[in-house]
Every structure is written in C-alpha cells, then in structure tokens.
Amino acid sequence: MQIRYFAAAADAAGCEEEGLVVADEATLGTLMTLLGERYGSEMRKVVTSGSFLIDQVVRRDPHFPLSERIDVLPPFAGG
C-alpha cells in the first residue's frame, strides 16, 4: 500500500510518501500501531489525534479495512 504523510505526519515519518506491506486483513488500527512502533512518540501523537483518508473519505475507526492508498493527516486547527 502507498502511504502519504502531510505536515506533522511527514515530519514524524521523515518522508512524505512510502510503500508498506501489510496483511490483507489489516485494519486502520493495525496501521496506527505499525506507524507508532516504526516512528515513535511523535507519530503516535499524530495517529491518535489526526485522521486518515481511505478511498478519499476521512476515517478514524480502527476496525476499518485498509485500501491501496492511505493519507495520514495531523489534526488541523479551525478558524
């Protein structure tokens, strides 16, 4: 799958995009855990308070299945 990182997520990952291989039955929760383990506390903050675009729809449910492209978005301030 292709993962794209934006703003603080890109800072935490040290890149804006990467490919990851996960099991077919992997869920958003699986990805959140994997990214936290891979990139540490800054990424854990992003994945617990941010959101994910899966098939161009914002998702936060850890049981949601993954697709071929996921965008990791940090929390945004409103205004």
Protein backbone atom coordinates (compact mmCIF):
# COMPACT_ATOMS: atom_id res chain seq x y z
CA MET A 1 0.00 0.00 0.00
CA GLN A 2 1.08 3.58 -0.56
CA ILE A 3 1.11 5.89 2.47
CA ARG A 4 1.26 9.67 2.06
CA TYR A 5 2.11 11.85 5.05
CA PHE A 6 1.18 15.51 5.47
CA ALA A 7 2.54 18.28 7.75
CA ALA A 8 3.37 16.89 11.24
CA ALA A 9 2.89 13.32 9.98
CA ALA A 10 5.58 13.90 7.32
CA ASP A 11 7.86 15.42 9.95
CA ALA A 12 7.39 12.41 12.23
CA ALA A 13 7.98 9.92 9.40
CA GLY A 14 10.87 11.83 7.87
CA CYS A 15 9.29 11.46 4.42
CA GLU A 16 6.19 12.46 2.51
CA GLU A 17 5.41 9.08 0.97
CA GLU A 18 6.37 5.43 1.29
CA GLY A 19 5.20 1.96 0.41
CA LEU A 20 4.32 -0.51 3.16
CA VAL A 21 3.38 -4.16 3.01
CA VAL A 22 0.67 -5.26 5.43
CA ALA A 23 -1.52 -8.35 5.72
CA ASP A 24 -4.68 -8.45 3.62
CA GLU A 25 -6.87 -8.38 6.74
CA ALA A 26 -5.05 -5.35 8.22
CA THR A 27 -7.21 -2.55 9.57
CA LEU A 28 -6.67 1.12 10.32
CA GLY A 29 -5.84 0.11 13.90
CA THR A 30 -3.12 -2.20 12.58
CA LEU A 31 -1.65 0.67 10.57
CA MET A 32 -1.83 3.06 13.52
CA THR A 33 0.10 0.60 15.70
CA LEU A 34 2.65 -0.11 12.97
CA LEU A 35 3.34 3.60 12.36
CA GLY A 36 3.65 4.31 16.08
CA GLU A 37 6.13 1.48 16.52
CA ARG A 38 8.06 2.46 13.41
CA TYR A 39 8.33 6.22 14.02
CA GLY A 40 7.91 6.68 17.77
CA SER A 41 6.12 9.11 20.04
CA GLU A 42 5.63 11.97 17.57
CA MET A 43 3.87 9.68 15.11
CA ARG A 44 1.80 8.14 17.91
CA LYS A 45 0.53 11.65 18.71
CA VAL A 46 -0.40 12.20 15.06
CA VAL A 47 -2.21 8.87 14.59
CA THR A 48 -4.18 9.15 17.82
CA SER A 49 -5.39 12.72 17.24
CA GLY A 50 -5.28 13.04 13.45
CA SER A 51 -7.27 11.39 10.70
CA PHE A 52 -6.80 9.18 7.69
CA LEU A 53 -8.12 9.43 4.16
CA ILE A 54 -9.05 6.00 2.87
CA ASP A 55 -10.62 5.99 -0.59
CA GLN A 56 -10.85 9.80 -0.28
CA VAL A 57 -13.07 9.61 2.82
CA VAL A 58 -11.93 10.64 6.31
CA ARG A 59 -11.76 7.59 8.57
CA ARG A 60 -10.92 7.19 12.25
CA ASP A 61 -12.49 3.79 13.04
CA PRO A 62 -9.62 1.43 13.96
CA HIS A 63 -11.62 -1.53 12.59
CA PHE A 64 -11.95 -0.02 9.12
CA PRO A 65 -10.20 -2.07 6.40
CA LEU A 66 -7.28 -0.54 4.52
CA SER A 67 -7.02 0.21 0.82
CA GLU A 68 -4.11 0.68 -1.58
CA ARG A 69 -3.57 4.35 -0.68
CA ILE A 70 -3.83 5.97 2.74
CA ASP A 71 -3.24 9.63 3.55
CA VAL A 72 -2.15 10.40 7.12
CA LEU A 73 -3.35 13.83 8.25
CA PRO A 74 -2.43 15.55 11.51
CA PRO A 75 -5.13 17.38 13.48
CA PHE A 76 -5.94 20.75 11.95
CA ALA A 77 -6.90 23.90 13.82
CA GLY A 78 -10.15 25.51 12.81
CA GLY A 79 -10.66 29.18 12.28
